[in-house]
Amino acid sequence: MINDVMDTHCVNDREPSSPVPLLPNPLCSQMRLPALAAHCLKEIDNYRRGEPSTDTYGVELLRRATMEDDQQA
């Protein structure tokens, strides 16, 4: 069911996993925000078409928004 809540702290009944800190990615941490957002949208389109995609740009946007308190991100 789509609305089921998944426990993300344990995977396959293993020990609880530690949260992974949002560290800057050297490949895109120096990118300007408009370019980063454009790459993120391109990767979302790739994912929707079933093509290879990465979440690197989206994670960097999330990191900037949360860790750097960047309101534009």
PDB file of N, CA and C in Angstrom:
ATOM      1  N   MET A   1       0.838  -1.170   0.000  1.00  0.00           N
ATOM      2  CA  MET A   1       0.000   0.000   0.000  1.00  0.00           C
ATOM      3  C   MET A   1       0.887   1.239   0.000  1.00  0.00           C
ATOM      4  N   ILE A   2       0.538   2.236  -0.770  1.00  0.00           N
ATOM      5  CA  ILE A   2       1.364   3.420  -0.938  1.00  0.00           C
ATOM      6  C   ILE A   2       1.519   4.197   0.359  1.00  0.00           C
ATOM      7  N   ASN A   3       0.493   4.266   1.167  1.00  0.00           N
ATOM      8  CA  ASN A   3       0.533   5.084   2.367  1.00  0.00           C
ATOM      9  C   ASN A   3       1.115   4.373   3.578  1.00  0.00           C
ATOM     10  N   ASP A   4       1.612   3.162   3.426  1.00  0.00           N
ATOM     11  CA  ASP A   4       2.235   2.464   4.553  1.00  0.00           C
ATOM     12  C   ASP A   4       3.471   3.219   5.006  1.00  0.00           C
ATOM     13  N   VAL A   5       3.690   3.242   6.294  1.00  0.00           N
ATOM     14  CA  VAL A   5       4.862   3.897   6.851  1.00  0.00           C
ATOM     15  C   VAL A   5       5.977   2.871   6.961  1.00  0.00           C
ATOM     16  N   MET A   6       7.148   3.229   6.483  1.00  0.00           N
ATOM     17  CA  MET A   6       8.279   2.319   6.518  1.00  0.00           C
ATOM     18  C   MET A   6       9.213   2.749   7.645  1.00  0.00           C
ATOM     19  N   ASP A   7       9.649   1.800   8.444  1.00  0.00           N
ATOM     20  CA  ASP A   7      10.622   2.069   9.479  1.00  0.00           C
ATOM     21  C   ASP A   7      11.990   2.144   8.824  1.00  0.00           C
ATOM     22  N   THR A   8      12.539   3.344   8.745  1.00  0.00           N
ATOM     23  CA  THR A   8      13.818   3.514   8.065  1.00  0.00           C
ATOM     24  C   THR A   8      15.006   3.310   8.994  1.00  0.00           C
ATOM     25  N   HIS A   9      14.762   3.051  10.276  1.00  0.00           N
ATOM     26  CA  HIS A   9      15.868   2.866  11.198  1.00  0.00           C
ATOM     27  C   HIS A   9      16.427   1.456  11.153  1.00  0.00           C
ATOM     28  N   CYS A  10      15.663   0.492  10.731  1.00  0.00           N
ATOM     29  CA  CYS A  10      16.135  -0.887  10.641  1.00  0.00           C
ATOM     30  C   CYS A  10      15.880  -1.400   9.232  1.00  0.00           C
ATOM     31  N   VAL A  11      16.861  -2.048   8.683  1.00  0.00           N
ATOM     32  CA  VAL A  11      16.723  -2.601   7.347  1.00  0.00           C
ATOM     33  C   VAL A  11      16.927  -4.104   7.442  1.00  0.00           C
ATOM     34  N   ASN A  12      15.940  -4.863   6.976  1.00  0.00           N
ATOM     35  CA  ASN A  12      16.023  -6.320   6.969  1.00  0.00           C
ATOM     36  C   ASN A  12      16.340  -6.902   8.349  1.00  0.00           C
ATOM     37  N   ASP A  13      15.746  -6.354   9.384  1.00  0.00           N
ATOM     38  CA  ASP A  13      15.918  -6.828  10.764  1.00  0.00           C
ATOM     39  C   ASP A  13      17.365  -6.811  11.230  1.00  0.00           C
ATOM     40  N   ARG A  14      18.173  -5.945  10.675  1.00  0.00           N
ATOM     41  CA  ARG A  14      19.548  -5.793  11.129  1.00  0.00           C
ATOM     42  C   ARG A  14      19.588  -4.765  12.245  1.00  0.00           C
ATOM     43  N   GLU A  15      20.774  -4.528  12.752  1.00  0.00           N
ATOM     44  CA  GLU A  15      20.963  -3.516  13.780  1.00  0.00           C
ATOM     45  C   GLU A  15      20.504  -2.166  13.231  1.00  0.00           C
ATOM     46  N   PRO A  16      20.023  -1.279  14.112  1.00  0.00           N
ATOM     47  CA  PRO A  16      19.628   0.057  13.642  1.00  0.00           C
ATOM     48  C   PRO A  16      20.802   0.760  12.976  1.00  0.00           C
ATOM     49  N   SER A  17      20.509   1.465  11.911  1.00  0.00           N
ATOM     50  CA  SER A  17      21.559   2.176  11.193  1.00  0.00           C
ATOM     51  C   SER A  17      21.689   3.588  11.736  1.00  0.00           C
ATOM     52  N   SER A  18      22.869   4.132  11.627  1.00  0.00           N
ATOM     53  CA  SER A  18      23.116   5.499  12.060  1.00  0.00           C
ATOM     54  C   SER A  18      22.714   6.447  10.945  1.00  0.00           C
ATOM     55  N   PRO A  19      22.211   7.630  11.304  1.00  0.00           N
ATOM     56  CA  PRO A  19      21.899   8.591  10.249  1.00  0.00           C
ATOM     57  C   PRO A  19      23.183   9.049   9.573  1.00  0.00           C
ATOM     58  N   VAL A  20      23.095   9.267   8.273  1.00  0.00           N
ATOM     59  CA  VAL A  20      24.245   9.710   7.508  1.00  0.00           C
ATOM     60  C   VAL A  20      24.221  11.227   7.464  1.00  0.00           C
ATOM     61  N   PRO A  21      25.300  11.880   7.878  1.00  0.00           N
ATOM     62  CA  PRO A  21      25.306  13.347   7.840  1.00  0.00           C
ATOM     63  C   PRO A  21      25.301  13.845   6.408  1.00  0.00           C
ATOM     64  N   LEU A  22      24.687  14.984   6.194  1.00  0.00           N
ATOM     65  CA  LEU A  22      24.671  15.583   4.869  1.00  0.00           C
ATOM     66  C   LEU A  22      25.971  16.359   4.691  1.00  0.00           C
ATOM     67  N   LEU A  23      26.930  15.747   4.021  1.00  0.00           N
ATOM     68  CA  LEU A  23      28.218  16.376   3.785  1.00  0.00           C
ATOM     69  C   LEU A  23      28.239  16.986   2.399  1.00  0.00           C
ATOM     70  N   PRO A  24      28.965  18.079   2.219  1.00  0.00           N
ATOM     71  CA  PRO A  24      29.023  18.676   0.886  1.00  0.00           C
ATOM     72  C   PRO A  24      29.664  17.737  -0.119  1.00  0.00           C
ATOM     73  N   ASN A  25      29.108  17.703  -1.298  1.00  0.00           N
ATOM     74  CA  ASN A  25      29.666  16.901  -2.381  1.00  0.00           C
ATOM     75  C   ASN A  25      30.628  17.786  -3.158  1.00  0.00           C
ATOM     76  N   PRO A  26      31.909  17.414  -3.233  1.00  0.00           N
ATOM     77  CA  PRO A  26      32.871  18.282  -3.915  1.00  0.00           C
ATOM     78  C   PRO A  26      32.542  18.523  -5.379  1.00  0.00           C
ATOM     79  N   LEU A  27      31.791  17.627  -6.010  1.00  0.00           N
ATOM     80  CA  LEU A  27      31.463  17.796  -7.422  1.00  0.00           C
ATOM     81  C   LEU A  27      30.467  18.925  -7.661  1.00  0.00           C
ATOM     82  N   CYS A  28      29.584  19.177  -6.701  1.00  0.00           N
ATOM     83  CA  CYS A  28      28.561  20.198  -6.953  1.00  0.00           C
ATOM     84  C   CYS A  28      28.443  21.234  -5.844  1.00  0.00           C
ATOM     85  N   SER A  29      29.275  21.163  -4.833  1.00  0.00           N
ATOM     86  CA  SER A  29      29.173  22.126  -3.735  1.00  0.00           C
ATOM     87  C   SER A  29      29.582  23.524  -4.166  1.00  0.00           C
ATOM     88  N   GLN A  30      30.337  23.633  -5.248  1.00  0.00           N
ATOM     89  CA  GLN A  30      30.760  24.943  -5.732  1.00  0.00           C
ATOM     90  C   GLN A  30      29.843  25.494  -6.823  1.00  0.00           C
ATOM     91  N   MET A  31      28.851  24.700  -7.230  1.00  0.00           N
ATOM     92  CA  MET A  31      27.938  25.147  -8.293  1.00  0.00           C
ATOM     93  C   MET A  31      27.044  26.265  -7.781  1.00  0.00           C
ATOM     94  N   ARG A  32      26.724  27.172  -8.678  1.00  0.00           N
ATOM     95  CA  ARG A  32      25.741  28.208  -8.349  1.00  0.00           C
ATOM     96  C   ARG A  32      24.367  27.555  -8.281  1.00  0.00           C
ATOM     97  N   LEU A  33      23.504  28.145  -7.486  1.00  0.00           N
ATOM     98  CA  LEU A  33      22.181  27.567  -7.239  1.00  0.00           C
ATOM     99  C   LEU A  33      21.355  27.352  -8.512  1.00  0.00           C
ATOM    100  N   PRO A  34      21.290  28.308  -9.453  1.00  0.00           N
ATOM    101  CA  PRO A  34      20.493  28.055 -10.671  1.00  0.00           C
ATOM    102  C   PRO A  34      20.978  26.839 -11.470  1.00  0.00           C
ATOM    103  N   ALA A  35      22.299  26.680 -11.579  1.00  0.00           N
ATOM    104  CA  ALA A  35      22.842  25.529 -12.312  1.00  0.00           C
ATOM    105  C   ALA A  35      22.536  24.232 -11.568  1.00  0.00           C
ATOM    106  N   LEU A  36      22.670  24.271 -10.256  1.00  0.00           N
ATOM    107  CA  LEU A  36      22.382  23.094  -9.442  1.00  0.00           C
ATOM    108  C   LEU A  36      20.922  22.681  -9.582  1.00  0.00           C
ATOM    109  N   ALA A  37      20.027  23.655  -9.527  1.00  0.00           N
ATOM    110  CA  ALA A  37      18.600  23.368  -9.675  1.00  0.00           C
ATOM    111  C   ALA A  37      18.290  22.810 -11.064  1.00  0.00           C
ATOM    112  N   ALA A  38      18.941  23.344 -12.094  1.00  0.00           N
ATOM    113  CA  ALA A  38      18.719  22.850 -13.458  1.00  0.00           C
ATOM    114  C   ALA A  38      19.175  21.397 -13.586  1.00  0.00           C
ATOM    115  N   HIS A  39      20.322  21.073 -13.019  1.00  0.00           N
ATOM    116  CA  HIS A  39      20.805  19.689 -13.050  1.00  0.00           C
ATOM    117  C   HIS A  39      19.854  18.773 -12.286  1.00  0.00           C
ATOM    118  N   CYS A  40      19.360  19.248 -11.164  1.00  0.00           N
ATOM    119  CA  CYS A  40      18.427  18.453 -10.360  1.00  0.00           C
ATOM    120  C   CYS A  40      17.161  18.147 -11.167  1.00  0.00           C
ATOM    121  N   LEU A  41      16.607  19.146 -11.828  1.00  0.00           N
ATOM    122  CA  LEU A  41      15.406  18.931 -12.643  1.00  0.00           C
ATOM    123  C   LEU A  41      15.667  17.967 -13.791  1.00  0.00           C
ATOM    124  N   LYS A  42      16.858  18.065 -14.390  1.00  0.00           N
ATOM    125  CA  LYS A  42      17.211  17.144 -15.474  1.00  0.00           C
ATOM    126  C   LYS A  42      17.256  15.706 -14.964  1.00  0.00           C
ATOM    127  N   GLU A  43      17.828  15.506 -13.790  1.00  0.00           N
ATOM    128  CA  GLU A  43      17.895  14.162 -13.214  1.00  0.00           C
ATOM    129  C   GLU A  43      16.513  13.638 -12.850  1.00  0.00           C
ATOM    130  N   ILE A  44      15.631  14.505 -12.398  1.00  0.00           N
ATOM    131  CA  ILE A  44      14.253  14.089 -12.110  1.00  0.00           C
ATOM    132  C   ILE A  44      13.581  13.627 -13.400  1.00  0.00           C
ATOM    133  N   ASP A  45      13.782  14.381 -14.495  1.00  0.00           N
ATOM    134  CA  ASP A  45      13.216  13.979 -15.793  1.00  0.00           C
ATOM    135  C   ASP A  45      13.790  12.641 -16.245  1.00  0.00           C
ATOM    136  N   ASN A  46      15.099  12.453 -16.073  1.00  0.00           N
ATOM    137  CA  ASN A  46      15.711  11.168 -16.427  1.00  0.00           C
ATOM    138  C   ASN A  46      15.056  10.029 -15.649  1.00  0.00           C
ATOM    139  N   TYR A  47      14.869  10.231 -14.362  1.00  0.00           N
ATOM    140  CA  TYR A  47      14.252   9.205 -13.515  1.00  0.00           C
ATOM    141  C   TYR A  47      12.839   8.885 -14.000  1.00  0.00           C
ATOM    142  N   ARG A  48      12.068   9.907 -14.289  1.00  0.00           N
ATOM    143  CA  ARG A  48      10.683   9.707 -14.743  1.00  0.00           C
ATOM    144  C   ARG A  48      10.621   8.943 -16.065  1.00  0.00           C
ATOM    145  N   ARG A  49      11.631   9.115 -16.914  1.00  0.00           N
ATOM    146  CA  ARG A  49      11.660   8.403 -18.203  1.00  0.00           C
ATOM    147  C   ARG A  49      12.279   7.012 -18.070  1.00  0.00           C
ATOM    148  N   GLY A  50      12.709   6.655 -16.874  1.00  0.00           N
ATOM    149  CA  GLY A  50      13.317   5.351 -16.665  1.00  0.00           C
ATOM    150  C   GLY A  50      14.769   5.288 -17.105  1.00  0.00           C
ATOM    151  N   GLU A  51      15.384   6.430 -17.287  1.00  0.00           N
ATOM    152  CA  GLU A  51      16.778   6.498 -17.696  1.00  0.00           C
ATOM    153  C   GLU A  51      17.673   6.567 -16.460  1.00  0.00           C
ATOM    154  N   PRO A  52      18.947   6.285 -16.616  1.00  0.00           N
ATOM    155  CA  PRO A  52      19.855   6.392 -15.471  1.00  0.00           C
ATOM    156  C   PRO A  52      19.837   7.814 -14.900  1.00  0.00           C
ATOM    157  N   SER A  53      19.830   7.901 -13.592  1.00  0.00           N
ATOM    158  CA  SER A  53      19.775   9.209 -12.944  1.00  0.00           C
ATOM    159  C   SER A  53      20.535   9.151 -11.624  1.00  0.00           C
ATOM    160  N   THR A  54      20.788  10.320 -11.083  1.00  0.00           N
ATOM    161  CA  THR A  54      21.462  10.420  -9.802  1.00  0.00           C
ATOM    162  C   THR A  54      20.732  11.411  -8.913  1.00  0.00           C
ATOM    163  N   ASP A  55      20.833  11.209  -7.609  1.00  0.00           N
ATOM    164  CA  ASP A  55      20.211  12.142  -6.673  1.00  0.00           C
ATOM    165  C   ASP A  55      21.220  13.134  -6.102  1.00  0.00           C
ATOM    166  N   THR A  56      22.413  13.167  -6.648  1.00  0.00           N
ATOM    167  CA  THR A  56      23.492  14.009  -6.126  1.00  0.00           C
ATOM    168  C   THR A  56      23.086  15.474  -6.056  1.00  0.00           C
ATOM    169  N   TYR A  57      22.480  15.985  -7.119  1.00  0.00           N
ATOM    170  CA  TYR A  57      22.129  17.398  -7.154  1.00  0.00           C
ATOM    171  C   TYR A  57      20.992  17.706  -6.182  1.00  0.00           C
ATOM    172  N   GLY A  58      20.034  16.824  -6.088  1.00  0.00           N
ATOM    173  CA  GLY A  58      18.937  17.012  -5.142  1.00  0.00           C
ATOM    174  C   GLY A  58      19.416  16.961  -3.703  1.00  0.00           C
ATOM    175  N   VAL A  59      20.345  16.071  -3.418  1.00  0.00           N
ATOM    176  CA  VAL A  59      20.899  15.973  -2.066  1.00  0.00           C
ATOM    177  C   VAL A  59      21.673  17.241  -1.733  1.00  0.00           C
ATOM    178  N   GLU A  60      22.395  17.776  -2.703  1.00  0.00           N
ATOM    179  CA  GLU A  60      23.123  19.027  -2.465  1.00  0.00           C
ATOM    180  C   GLU A  60      22.156  20.175  -2.205  1.00  0.00           C
ATOM    181  N   LEU A  61      21.047  20.224  -2.948  1.00  0.00           N
ATOM    182  CA  LEU A  61      20.033  21.250  -2.676  1.00  0.00           C
ATOM    183  C   LEU A  61      19.473  21.098  -1.266  1.00  0.00           C
ATOM    184  N   LEU A  62      19.184  19.875  -0.874  1.00  0.00           N
ATOM    185  CA  LEU A  62      18.677  19.616   0.468  1.00  0.00           C
ATOM    186  C   LEU A  62      19.703  20.025   1.523  1.00  0.00           C
ATOM    187  N   ARG A  63      20.958  19.706   1.296  1.00  0.00           N
ATOM    188  CA  ARG A  63      22.012  20.057   2.246  1.00  0.00           C
ATOM    189  C   ARG A  63      22.102  21.566   2.406  1.00  0.00           C
ATOM    190  N   ARG A  64      22.053  22.282   1.296  1.00  0.00           N
ATOM    191  CA  ARG A  64      22.133  23.742   1.376  1.00  0.00           C
ATOM    192  C   ARG A  64      20.931  24.330   2.097  1.00  0.00           C
ATOM    193  N   ALA A  65      19.770  23.785   1.806  1.00  0.00           N
ATOM    194  CA  ALA A  65      18.561  24.304   2.436  1.00  0.00           C
ATOM    195  C   ALA A  65      18.549  24.047   3.935  1.00  0.00           C
ATOM    196  N   THR A  66      18.985  22.871   4.343  1.00  0.00           N
ATOM    197  CA  THR A  66      18.898  22.512   5.759  1.00  0.00           C
ATOM    198  C   THR A  66      20.146  22.871   6.550  1.00  0.00           C
ATOM    199  N   MET A  67      21.302  22.496   6.049  1.00  0.00           N
ATOM    200  CA  MET A  67      22.528  22.690   6.813  1.00  0.00           C
ATOM    201  C   MET A  67      23.052  24.129   6.733  1.00  0.00           C
ATOM    202  N   GLU A  68      22.825  24.769   5.599  1.00  0.00           N
ATOM    203  CA  GLU A  68      23.290  26.140   5.423  1.00  0.00           C
ATOM    204  C   GLU A  68      22.168  27.149   5.574  1.00  0.00           C
ATOM    205  N   ASP A  69      20.960  26.665   5.834  1.00  0.00           N
ATOM    206  CA  ASP A  69      19.778  27.536   5.994  1.00  0.00           C
ATOM    207  C   ASP A  69      19.604  28.467   4.792  1.00  0.00           C
ATOM    208  N   ASP A  70      19.820  27.919   3.596  1.00  0.00           N
ATOM    209  CA  ASP A  70      19.687  28.678   2.355  1.00  0.00           C
ATOM    210  C   ASP A  70      18.223  28.633   1.922  1.00  0.00           C
ATOM    211  N   GLN A  71      17.536  29.743   2.083  1.00  0.00           N
ATOM    212  CA  GLN A  71      16.108  29.804   1.768  1.00  0.00           C
ATOM    213  C   GLN A  71      15.834  29.623   0.282  1.00  0.00           C
ATOM    214  N   GLN A  72      16.738  30.028  -0.580  1.00  0.00           N
ATOM    215  CA  GLN A  72      16.536  29.872  -2.019  1.00  0.00           C
ATOM    216  C   GLN A  72      16.658  28.412  -2.441  1.00  0.00           C
ATOM    217  N   ALA A  73      17.507  27.677  -1.768  1.00  0.00           N
ATOM    218  CA  ALA A  73      17.674  26.250  -2.095  1.00  0.00           C
ATOM    219  C   ALA A  73      16.395  25.521  -1.740  1.00  0.00           C
TER     220      ALA A  73
END
